[in-house]
Amino acid sequence: MNALRPMMDDAVRYLRTRTQLRPRVGIILGTGLGGLVDEIDTAEVIDYGDIPHFPVSTVESHKGKLIFGTLSGADVVVMQGRFHYYEGYTLKQVTFPVRVMHALGVDTLLISNAAGGMNPLFRRGDVMVIHDHINLIGDNPLIGPNDDSLGPRFPDMSEPYALPLIRIAERVALDLKIPLQKGVFVAVAGPNLETRAEYRFLRGIGADAVGMSTVPEDIVAVHMGMRVLGFSIITDECFPDALEPVDVPAIIRTANETEPRLRAIMRGVIAELQTAAGRA
């Protein structure tokens, strides 16, 4: 028997004792990108450790809180901190919160991450909207028995990031005069950063940015029929012939400095979605 559905039900039952908000938009905030929560009209803040079957963030820059509230007029649920394969969690654990979001009513998921830029046109501090991805984690959250009530055994991934949402993001960024790159994101297991040879390989197979998250969450969201919009903040330049050592504090500092621009784009996208929902 697939235990995923009972675990989801446990989590949802608990969350319903804390809030009756029924968000349509879910947001996952990556490394150094927690500032968006300051703009949320917060209704409830719940520690991950209080939610049945939720993992607990072990990375210092990930707060580990699930936040319910209103942003740009829309009801939202926000993960302030995510989980990673390199922390020792299975990908089913990593993506469990996405399953719970969907069970709460979320049909649109916004994901952000910090990533290394490999496209020579990218620079540290750029914001990139993800239009496709490559999974090199070496695992998949859908491996094992499939619950057909959650999604199909073989989900189509021809559009892993919703093109209409990408177009909205590009329009919002243009209106705000914020440069927005577009590219392919590749996910690796981590936690070490890559070697020069690995950067050459990743660039050679078509990737523009590399990170250690996002792809598993996207796969599960698409499996359940959710629309996904993904963003990367380029926190370091990963050019093999000019590679310089980088440390995590520098990555977090760049993410923090760039985050207000990404925050403005995400806020504008959500406002447009809310306006569209009002016309529907």
C-alpha atoms as a PDB file:
ATOM      1  CA  MET A   1       0.000   0.000   0.000  1.00  0.00           C
ATOM      2  CA  ASN A   2       1.238   3.491  -0.844  1.00  0.00           C
ATOM      3  CA  ALA A   3       1.606   5.370   2.448  1.00  0.00           C
ATOM      4  CA  LEU A   4       1.874   8.783   0.793  1.00  0.00           C
ATOM      5  CA  ARG A   5      -1.836   9.622   0.845  1.00  0.00           C
ATOM      6  CA  PRO A   6      -2.359   8.849   4.572  1.00  0.00           C
ATOM      7  CA  MET A   7       0.717  10.939   5.428  1.00  0.00           C
ATOM      8  CA  MET A   8      -0.630  13.835   3.356  1.00  0.00           C
ATOM      9  CA  ASP A   9      -3.994  13.526   5.094  1.00  0.00           C
ATOM     10  CA  ASP A  10      -2.294  13.648   8.511  1.00  0.00           C
ATOM     11  CA  ALA A  11      -0.436  16.825   7.587  1.00  0.00           C
ATOM     12  CA  VAL A  12      -3.494  18.518   6.110  1.00  0.00           C
ATOM     13  CA  ARG A  13      -5.656  17.647   9.129  1.00  0.00           C
ATOM     14  CA  TYR A  14      -3.095  19.246  11.429  1.00  0.00           C
ATOM     15  CA  LEU A  15      -2.733  22.359   9.273  1.00  0.00           C
ATOM     16  CA  ARG A  16      -6.514  22.786   9.198  1.00  0.00           C
ATOM     17  CA  THR A  17      -6.429  23.064  13.000  1.00  0.00           C
ATOM     18  CA  ARG A  18      -4.091  26.057  12.600  1.00  0.00           C
ATOM     19  CA  THR A  19      -5.630  27.890   9.615  1.00  0.00           C
ATOM     20  CA  GLN A  20      -8.683  27.766   7.384  1.00  0.00           C
ATOM     21  CA  LEU A  21      -6.934  29.736   4.614  1.00  0.00           C
ATOM     22  CA  ARG A  22      -7.220  27.978   1.253  1.00  0.00           C
ATOM     23  CA  PRO A  23      -4.301  29.240  -0.825  1.00  0.00           C
ATOM     24  CA  ARG A  24      -4.166  28.818  -4.587  1.00  0.00           C
ATOM     25  CA  VAL A  25      -0.511  29.902  -4.841  1.00  0.00           C
ATOM     26  CA  GLY A  26       2.414  28.118  -3.197  1.00  0.00           C
ATOM     27  CA  ILE A  27       5.926  29.575  -2.948  1.00  0.00           C
ATOM     28  CA  ILE A  28       9.225  27.838  -2.138  1.00  0.00           C
ATOM     29  CA  LEU A  29      11.968  30.248  -1.061  1.00  0.00           C
ATOM     30  CA  GLY A  30      15.549  29.129  -1.580  1.00  0.00           C
ATOM     31  CA  THR A  31      18.908  30.057  -0.079  1.00  0.00           C
ATOM     32  CA  GLY A  32      19.048  33.692   0.984  1.00  0.00           C
ATOM     33  CA  LEU A  33      15.625  34.419  -0.491  1.00  0.00           C
ATOM     34  CA  GLY A  34      13.463  34.635   2.625  1.00  0.00           C
ATOM     35  CA  GLY A  35      12.828  38.383   2.445  1.00  0.00           C
ATOM     36  CA  LEU A  36       9.539  37.946   0.605  1.00  0.00           C
ATOM     37  CA  VAL A  37       7.894  36.881   3.857  1.00  0.00           C
ATOM     38  CA  ASP A  38       8.229  40.452   5.145  1.00  0.00           C
ATOM     39  CA  GLU A  39       5.681  41.534   2.543  1.00  0.00           C
ATOM     40  CA  ILE A  40       3.104  38.876   3.389  1.00  0.00           C
ATOM     41  CA  ASP A  41       0.057  39.830   5.417  1.00  0.00           C
ATOM     42  CA  THR A  42       0.628  36.848   7.678  1.00  0.00           C
ATOM     43  CA  ALA A  43      -2.249  34.786   9.037  1.00  0.00           C
ATOM     44  CA  GLU A  44      -0.278  31.867  10.536  1.00  0.00           C
ATOM     45  CA  VAL A  45       3.345  30.762  10.905  1.00  0.00           C
ATOM     46  CA  ILE A  46       3.960  27.059  11.578  1.00  0.00           C
ATOM     47  CA  ASP A  47       7.291  25.386  12.317  1.00  0.00           C
ATOM     48  CA  TYR A  48       8.041  22.440  10.054  1.00  0.00           C
ATOM     49  CA  GLY A  49       8.755  20.347  13.122  1.00  0.00           C
ATOM     50  CA  ASP A  50       5.114  20.704  14.223  1.00  0.00           C
ATOM     51  CA  ILE A  51       3.655  19.319  10.979  1.00  0.00           C
ATOM     52  CA  PRO A  52       3.192  15.530  10.798  1.00  0.00           C
ATOM     53  CA  HIS A  53       5.706  13.829   8.485  1.00  0.00           C
ATOM     54  CA  PHE A  54       7.426  17.086   7.485  1.00  0.00           C
ATOM     55  CA  PRO A  55      11.218  16.971   7.360  1.00  0.00           C
ATOM     56  CA  VAL A  56      13.148  19.629   9.286  1.00  0.00           C
ATOM     57  CA  SER A  57      15.552  22.036   7.584  1.00  0.00           C
ATOM     58  CA  THR A  58      19.164  21.378   8.560  1.00  0.00           C
ATOM     59  CA  VAL A  59      20.741  24.129   6.425  1.00  0.00           C
ATOM     60  CA  GLU A  60      21.495  27.284   8.412  1.00  0.00           C
ATOM     61  CA  SER A  61      20.099  29.696   5.804  1.00  0.00           C
ATOM     62  CA  HIS A  62      16.720  27.885   5.655  1.00  0.00           C
ATOM     63  CA  LYS A  63      14.337  29.012   8.413  1.00  0.00           C
ATOM     64  CA  GLY A  64      12.027  25.990   8.382  1.00  0.00           C
ATOM     65  CA  LYS A  65       8.638  27.687   8.602  1.00  0.00           C
ATOM     66  CA  LEU A  66       5.385  27.308   6.667  1.00  0.00           C
ATOM     67  CA  ILE A  67       3.676  30.667   6.344  1.00  0.00           C
ATOM     68  CA  PHE A  68       0.038  31.264   5.414  1.00  0.00           C
ATOM     69  CA  GLY A  69      -1.128  34.729   4.443  1.00  0.00           C
ATOM     70  CA  THR A  70      -1.934  37.177   1.672  1.00  0.00           C
ATOM     71  CA  LEU A  71       0.436  38.634  -0.926  1.00  0.00           C
ATOM     72  CA  SER A  72      -0.596  40.965  -3.762  1.00  0.00           C
ATOM     73  CA  GLY A  73      -4.224  40.209  -2.913  1.00  0.00           C
ATOM     74  CA  ALA A  74      -3.810  36.427  -3.251  1.00  0.00           C
ATOM     75  CA  ASP A  75      -3.949  33.813  -0.517  1.00  0.00           C
ATOM     76  CA  VAL A  76      -0.559  32.082  -0.425  1.00  0.00           C
ATOM     77  CA  VAL A  77       1.343  29.414   1.464  1.00  0.00           C
ATOM     78  CA  VAL A  78       5.098  29.919   1.620  1.00  0.00           C
ATOM     79  CA  MET A  79       7.919  27.561   2.480  1.00  0.00           C
ATOM     80  CA  GLN A  80      10.594  29.668   4.169  1.00  0.00           C
ATOM     81  CA  GLY A  81      13.338  27.132   3.638  1.00  0.00           C
ATOM     82  CA  ARG A  82      13.373  23.864   1.733  1.00  0.00           C
ATOM     83  CA  PHE A  83      14.902  20.400   1.981  1.00  0.00           C
ATOM     84  CA  HIS A  84      17.697  18.904  -0.092  1.00  0.00           C
ATOM     85  CA  TYR A  85      18.788  15.443  -1.166  1.00  0.00           C
ATOM     86  CA  TYR A  86      22.262  16.108   0.261  1.00  0.00           C
ATOM     87  CA  GLU A  87      20.791  16.498   3.753  1.00  0.00           C
ATOM     88  CA  GLY A  88      20.094  12.770   3.702  1.00  0.00           C
ATOM     89  CA  TYR A  89      16.397  12.973   2.907  1.00  0.00           C
ATOM     90  CA  THR A  90      14.789  10.855   0.221  1.00  0.00           C
ATOM     91  CA  LEU A  91      13.298  12.770  -2.690  1.00  0.00           C
ATOM     92  CA  LYS A  92       9.855  11.685  -1.494  1.00  0.00           C
ATOM     93  CA  GLN A  93      10.597  13.509   1.770  1.00  0.00           C
ATOM     94  CA  VAL A  94      12.067  16.493  -0.057  1.00  0.00           C
ATOM     95  CA  THR A  95       8.900  16.884  -2.133  1.00  0.00           C
ATOM     96  CA  PHE A  96       6.346  15.970   0.522  1.00  0.00           C
ATOM     97  CA  PRO A  97       5.499  19.639   1.250  1.00  0.00           C
ATOM     98  CA  VAL A  98       4.584  20.131  -2.421  1.00  0.00           C
ATOM     99  CA  ARG A  99       2.127  17.241  -2.110  1.00  0.00           C
ATOM    100  CA  VAL A 100       0.645  18.866   0.986  1.00  0.00           C
ATOM    101  CA  MET A 101       0.376  22.258  -0.715  1.00  0.00           C
ATOM    102  CA  HIS A 102      -1.593  20.673  -3.531  1.00  0.00           C
ATOM    103  CA  ALA A 103      -3.897  18.948  -1.044  1.00  0.00           C
ATOM    104  CA  LEU A 104      -4.519  22.340   0.562  1.00  0.00           C
ATOM    105  CA  GLY A 105      -5.719  23.723  -2.782  1.00  0.00           C
ATOM    106  CA  VAL A 106      -2.559  25.113  -4.388  1.00  0.00           C
ATOM    107  CA  ASP A 107      -2.595  24.883  -8.202  1.00  0.00           C
ATOM    108  CA  THR A 108       0.270  27.283  -9.007  1.00  0.00           C
ATOM    109  CA  LEU A 109       3.756  26.866  -7.545  1.00  0.00           C
ATOM    110  CA  LEU A 110       6.525  29.481  -7.605  1.00  0.00           C
ATOM    111  CA  ILE A 111      10.008  28.127  -6.849  1.00  0.00           C
ATOM    112  CA  SER A 112      13.220  30.083  -6.273  1.00  0.00           C
ATOM    113  CA  ASN A 113      16.805  29.009  -5.775  1.00  0.00           C
ATOM    114  CA  ALA A 114      20.389  30.211  -5.677  1.00  0.00           C
ATOM    115  CA  ALA A 115      22.447  28.849  -8.563  1.00  0.00           C
ATOM    116  CA  GLY A 116      25.826  29.020 -10.223  1.00  0.00           C
ATOM    117  CA  GLY A 117      25.834  30.650 -13.639  1.00  0.00           C
ATOM    118  CA  MET A 118      27.568  28.836 -16.492  1.00  0.00           C
ATOM    119  CA  ASN A 119      26.218  30.804 -19.448  1.00  0.00           C
ATOM    120  CA  PRO A 120      28.994  33.270 -20.378  1.00  0.00           C
ATOM    121  CA  LEU A 121      26.374  35.991 -20.819  1.00  0.00           C
ATOM    122  CA  PHE A 122      25.278  35.659 -17.191  1.00  0.00           C
ATOM    123  CA  ARG A 123      26.785  37.613 -14.327  1.00  0.00           C
ATOM    124  CA  ARG A 124      26.698  37.338 -10.553  1.00  0.00           C
ATOM    125  CA  GLY A 125      23.469  38.921  -9.283  1.00  0.00           C
ATOM    126  CA  ASP A 126      21.391  38.169 -12.404  1.00  0.00           C
ATOM    127  CA  VAL A 127      17.859  36.784 -12.080  1.00  0.00           C
ATOM    128  CA  MET A 128      17.021  33.880 -14.408  1.00  0.00           C
ATOM    129  CA  VAL A 129      13.582  32.496 -15.157  1.00  0.00           C
ATOM    130  CA  ILE A 130      13.793  28.735 -15.699  1.00  0.00           C
ATOM    131  CA  HIS A 131      12.279  27.491 -18.952  1.00  0.00           C
ATOM    132  CA  ASP A 132      13.551  23.896 -18.764  1.00  0.00           C
ATOM    133  CA  HIS A 133      15.678  21.648 -16.588  1.00  0.00           C
ATOM    134  CA  ILE A 134      18.016  18.660 -16.513  1.00  0.00           C
ATOM    135  CA  ASN A 135      17.873  16.184 -13.629  1.00  0.00           C
ATOM    136  CA  LEU A 136      21.351  14.938 -12.679  1.00  0.00           C
ATOM    137  CA  ILE A 137      20.590  14.274  -9.019  1.00  0.00           C
ATOM    138  CA  GLY A 138      20.664  10.565  -9.790  1.00  0.00           C
ATOM    139  CA  ASP A 139      17.231   9.907  -8.310  1.00  0.00           C
ATOM    140  CA  ASN A 140      13.576  10.734  -8.955  1.00  0.00           C
ATOM    141  CA  PRO A 141      10.761  11.426  -6.470  1.00  0.00           C
ATOM    142  CA  LEU A 142       8.325   9.320  -8.515  1.00  0.00           C
ATOM    143  CA  ILE A 143      10.276   6.074  -8.200  1.00  0.00           C
ATOM    144  CA  GLY A 144       8.220   3.380  -6.453  1.00  0.00           C
ATOM    145  CA  PRO A 145       4.500   2.593  -6.416  1.00  0.00           C
ATOM    146  CA  ASN A 146       2.378   5.264  -8.087  1.00  0.00           C
ATOM    147  CA  ASP A 147      -0.802   6.590  -6.491  1.00  0.00           C
ATOM    148  CA  ASP A 148      -3.014   7.176  -9.515  1.00  0.00           C
ATOM    149  CA  SER A 149      -5.208   9.529  -7.494  1.00  0.00           C
ATOM    150  CA  LEU A 150      -2.247  11.911  -7.241  1.00  0.00           C
ATOM    151  CA  GLY A 151      -1.000  11.728 -10.809  1.00  0.00           C
ATOM    152  CA  PRO A 152      -0.142   9.449 -13.738  1.00  0.00           C
ATOM    153  CA  ARG A 153       2.542   6.751 -13.677  1.00  0.00           C
ATOM    154  CA  PHE A 154       4.383   8.452 -16.570  1.00  0.00           C
ATOM    155  CA  PRO A 155       3.790  12.227 -16.371  1.00  0.00           C
ATOM    156  CA  ASP A 156       4.579  14.273 -19.462  1.00  0.00           C
ATOM    157  CA  MET A 157       7.441  16.767 -18.957  1.00  0.00           C
ATOM    158  CA  SER A 158       7.358  18.608 -22.279  1.00  0.00           C
ATOM    159  CA  GLU A 159       6.490  21.820 -20.411  1.00  0.00           C
ATOM    160  CA  PRO A 160       7.928  21.523 -16.892  1.00  0.00           C
ATOM    161  CA  TYR A 161       7.635  25.283 -16.356  1.00  0.00           C
ATOM    162  CA  ALA A 162       4.382  26.809 -17.571  1.00  0.00           C
ATOM    163  CA  LEU A 163       4.986  28.974 -20.648  1.00  0.00           C
ATOM    164  CA  PRO A 164       2.092  31.356 -19.851  1.00  0.00           C
ATOM    165  CA  LEU A 165       3.649  32.017 -16.425  1.00  0.00           C
ATOM    166  CA  ILE A 166       7.073  32.591 -17.993  1.00  0.00           C
ATOM    167  CA  ARG A 167       5.523  35.153 -20.342  1.00  0.00           C
ATOM    168  CA  ILE A 168       3.889  36.923 -17.383  1.00  0.00           C
ATOM    169  CA  ALA A 169       7.225  37.010 -15.544  1.00  0.00           C
ATOM    170  CA  GLU A 170       8.991  38.442 -18.588  1.00  0.00           C
ATOM    171  CA  ARG A 171       6.318  41.118 -18.983  1.00  0.00           C
ATOM    172  CA  VAL A 172       6.435  42.038 -15.287  1.00  0.00           C
ATOM    173  CA  ALA A 173      10.236  42.269 -15.341  1.00  0.00           C
ATOM    174  CA  LEU A 174      10.112  44.471 -18.435  1.00  0.00           C
ATOM    175  CA  ASP A 175       7.569  46.789 -16.807  1.00  0.00           C
ATOM    176  CA  LEU A 176       9.770  47.009 -13.709  1.00  0.00           C
ATOM    177  CA  LYS A 177      12.899  47.548 -15.844  1.00  0.00           C
ATOM    178  CA  ILE A 178      14.544  44.524 -14.205  1.00  0.00           C
ATOM    179  CA  PRO A 179      16.820  42.520 -16.536  1.00  0.00           C
ATOM    180  CA  LEU A 180      15.655  38.911 -16.649  1.00  0.00           C
ATOM    181  CA  GLN A 181      17.717  36.085 -18.085  1.00  0.00           C
ATOM    182  CA  LYS A 182      16.097  32.869 -19.315  1.00  0.00           C
ATOM    183  CA  GLY A 183      17.767  29.492 -19.272  1.00  0.00           C
ATOM    184  CA  VAL A 184      18.036  25.804 -18.472  1.00  0.00           C
ATOM    185  CA  PHE A 185      18.623  24.793 -14.860  1.00  0.00           C
ATOM    186  CA  VAL A 186      20.491  21.594 -14.018  1.00  0.00           C
ATOM    187  CA  ALA A 187      20.094  19.957 -10.612  1.00  0.00           C
ATOM    188  CA  VAL A 188      22.947  17.964  -9.057  1.00  0.00           C
ATOM    189  CA  ALA A 189      23.075  16.114  -5.755  1.00  0.00           C
ATOM    190  CA  GLY A 190      25.682  18.274  -3.976  1.00  0.00           C
ATOM    191  CA  PRO A 191      26.673  19.323  -1.415  1.00  0.00           C
ATOM    192  CA  ASN A 192      30.077  20.132  -2.898  1.00  0.00           C
ATOM    193  CA  LEU A 193      30.358  22.738  -5.619  1.00  0.00           C
ATOM    194  CA  GLU A 194      31.479  21.537  -9.024  1.00  0.00           C
ATOM    195  CA  THR A 195      34.928  21.024 -10.525  1.00  0.00           C
ATOM    196  CA  ARG A 196      36.131  22.793 -13.649  1.00  0.00           C
ATOM    197  CA  ALA A 197      35.569  19.615 -15.676  1.00  0.00           C
ATOM    198  CA  GLU A 198      32.043  19.251 -14.297  1.00  0.00           C
ATOM    199  CA  TYR A 199      31.180  22.845 -15.236  1.00  0.00           C
ATOM    200  CA  ARG A 200      32.433  22.187 -18.765  1.00  0.00           C
ATOM    201  CA  PHE A 201      30.319  19.037 -18.947  1.00  0.00           C
ATOM    202  CA  LEU A 202      27.176  20.731 -17.594  1.00  0.00           C
ATOM    203  CA  ARG A 203      27.531  23.652 -19.970  1.00  0.00           C
ATOM    204  CA  GLY A 204      28.194  21.219 -22.815  1.00  0.00           C
ATOM    205  CA  ILE A 205      24.902  19.397 -22.285  1.00  0.00           C
ATOM    206  CA  GLY A 206      22.944  22.649 -22.471  1.00  0.00           C
ATOM    207  CA  ALA A 207      22.666  23.965 -18.906  1.00  0.00           C
ATOM    208  CA  ASP A 208      22.848  27.685 -18.103  1.00  0.00           C
ATOM    209  CA  ALA A 209      22.758  27.446 -14.307  1.00  0.00           C
ATOM    210  CA  VAL A 210      23.410  24.722 -11.733  1.00  0.00           C
ATOM    211  CA  GLY A 211      21.990  24.107  -8.270  1.00  0.00           C
ATOM    212  CA  MET A 212      20.995  21.416  -5.788  1.00  0.00           C
ATOM    213  CA  SER A 213      17.202  21.755  -5.637  1.00  0.00           C
ATOM    214  CA  THR A 214      14.034  22.732  -7.537  1.00  0.00           C
ATOM    215  CA  VAL A 215      13.883  19.881 -10.062  1.00  0.00           C
ATOM    216  CA  PRO A 216      12.407  17.289  -7.647  1.00  0.00           C
ATOM    217  CA  GLU A 217       9.754  19.773  -6.498  1.00  0.00           C
ATOM    218  CA  ASP A 218       8.919  20.604 -10.098  1.00  0.00           C
ATOM    219  CA  ILE A 219       8.586  16.945 -11.083  1.00  0.00           C
ATOM    220  CA  VAL A 220       6.128  16.285  -8.249  1.00  0.00           C
ATOM    221  CA  ALA A 221       4.158  19.456  -8.963  1.00  0.00           C
ATOM    222  CA  VAL A 222       3.813  18.531 -12.646  1.00  0.00           C
ATOM    223  CA  HIS A 223       2.856  14.984 -11.610  1.00  0.00           C
ATOM    224  CA  MET A 224      -0.116  16.471  -9.756  1.00  0.00           C
ATOM    225  CA  GLY A 225      -1.103  18.879 -12.528  1.00  0.00           C
ATOM    226  CA  MET A 226       0.184  22.070 -10.951  1.00  0.00           C
ATOM    227  CA  ARG A 227       1.559  24.993 -12.952  1.00  0.00           C
ATOM    228  CA  VAL A 228       5.142  25.869 -12.037  1.00  0.00           C
ATOM    229  CA  LEU A 229       7.222  29.028 -12.402  1.00  0.00           C
ATOM    230  CA  GLY A 230      10.874  28.800 -11.404  1.00  0.00           C
ATOM    231  CA  PHE A 231      13.580  31.412 -10.792  1.00  0.00           C
ATOM    232  CA  SER A 232      17.303  31.256 -10.079  1.00  0.00           C
ATOM    233  CA  ILE A 233      19.453  33.988  -8.634  1.00  0.00           C
ATOM    234  CA  ILE A 234      22.923  33.669 -10.146  1.00  0.00           C
ATOM    235  CA  THR A 235      25.132  33.843  -7.064  1.00  0.00           C
ATOM    236  CA  ASP A 236      28.498  32.977  -8.634  1.00  0.00           C
ATOM    237  CA  GLU A 237      30.114  32.774 -12.047  1.00  0.00           C
ATOM    238  CA  CYS A 238      31.130  29.224 -12.945  1.00  0.00           C
ATOM    239  CA  PHE A 239      33.381  29.738 -15.962  1.00  0.00           C
ATOM    240  CA  PRO A 240      35.956  26.898 -16.001  1.00  0.00           C
ATOM    241  CA  ASP A 241      38.828  28.926 -17.468  1.00  0.00           C
ATOM    242  CA  ALA A 242      38.365  31.756 -14.986  1.00  0.00           C
ATOM    243  CA  LEU A 243      37.048  29.821 -11.989  1.00  0.00           C
ATOM    244  CA  GLU A 244      37.647  31.354  -8.576  1.00  0.00           C
ATOM    245  CA  PRO A 245      37.053  29.735  -5.179  1.00  0.00           C
ATOM    246  CA  VAL A 246      33.701  30.658  -3.681  1.00  0.00           C
ATOM    247  CA  ASP A 247      32.292  30.140  -0.217  1.00  0.00           C
ATOM    248  CA  VAL A 248      28.734  29.805   1.042  1.00  0.00           C
ATOM    249  CA  PRO A 249      28.653  33.163   2.902  1.00  0.00           C
ATOM    250  CA  ALA A 250      29.491  34.910  -0.392  1.00  0.00           C
ATOM    251  CA  ILE A 251      26.713  32.984  -2.153  1.00  0.00           C
ATOM    252  CA  ILE A 252      24.196  33.923   0.529  1.00  0.00           C
ATOM    253  CA  ARG A 253      25.340  37.558   0.459  1.00  0.00           C
ATOM    254  CA  THR A 254      24.776  37.761  -3.311  1.00  0.00           C
ATOM    255  CA  ALA A 255      21.351  36.112  -2.950  1.00  0.00           C
ATOM    256  CA  ASN A 256      20.387  38.613  -0.248  1.00  0.00           C
ATOM    257  CA  GLU A 257      21.519  41.554  -2.353  1.00  0.00           C
ATOM    258  CA  THR A 258      19.643  40.365  -5.454  1.00  0.00           C
ATOM    259  CA  GLU A 259      16.525  39.148  -3.659  1.00  0.00           C
ATOM    260  CA  PRO A 260      14.621  42.495  -3.780  1.00  0.00           C
ATOM    261  CA  ARG A 261      14.544  42.326  -7.604  1.00  0.00           C
ATOM    262  CA  LEU A 262      13.279  38.749  -7.605  1.00  0.00           C
ATOM    263  CA  ARG A 263      10.795  39.664  -4.887  1.00  0.00           C
ATOM    264  CA  ALA A 264       9.393  42.471  -7.062  1.00  0.00           C
ATOM    265  CA  ILE A 265       8.974  40.113 -10.038  1.00  0.00           C
ATOM    266  CA  MET A 266       7.263  37.427  -7.956  1.00  0.00           C
ATOM    267  CA  ARG A 267       4.974  39.995  -6.359  1.00  0.00           C
ATOM    268  CA  GLY A 268       4.015  41.317  -9.798  1.00  0.00           C
ATOM    269  CA  VAL A 269       3.368  37.831 -11.161  1.00  0.00           C
ATOM    270  CA  ILE A 270       1.085  36.998  -8.238  1.00  0.00           C
ATOM    271  CA  ALA A 271      -0.783  40.292  -8.696  1.00  0.00           C
ATOM    272  CA  GLU A 272      -1.424  39.433 -12.357  1.00  0.00           C
ATOM    273  CA  LEU A 273      -2.588  35.943 -11.431  1.00  0.00           C
ATOM    274  CA  GLN A 274      -4.970  37.406  -8.869  1.00  0.00           C
ATOM    275  CA  THR A 275      -6.336  39.877 -11.396  1.00  0.00           C
ATOM    276  CA  ALA A 276      -6.860  37.076 -13.923  1.00  0.00           C
ATOM    277  CA  ALA A 277      -8.608  34.954 -11.278  1.00  0.00           C
ATOM    278  CA  GLY A 278     -10.945  37.850 -10.528  1.00  0.00           C
ATOM    279  CA  ARG A 279     -11.964  38.059 -14.175  1.00  0.00           C
ATOM    280  CA  ALA A 280     -12.576  34.319 -14.438  1.00  0.00           C
END
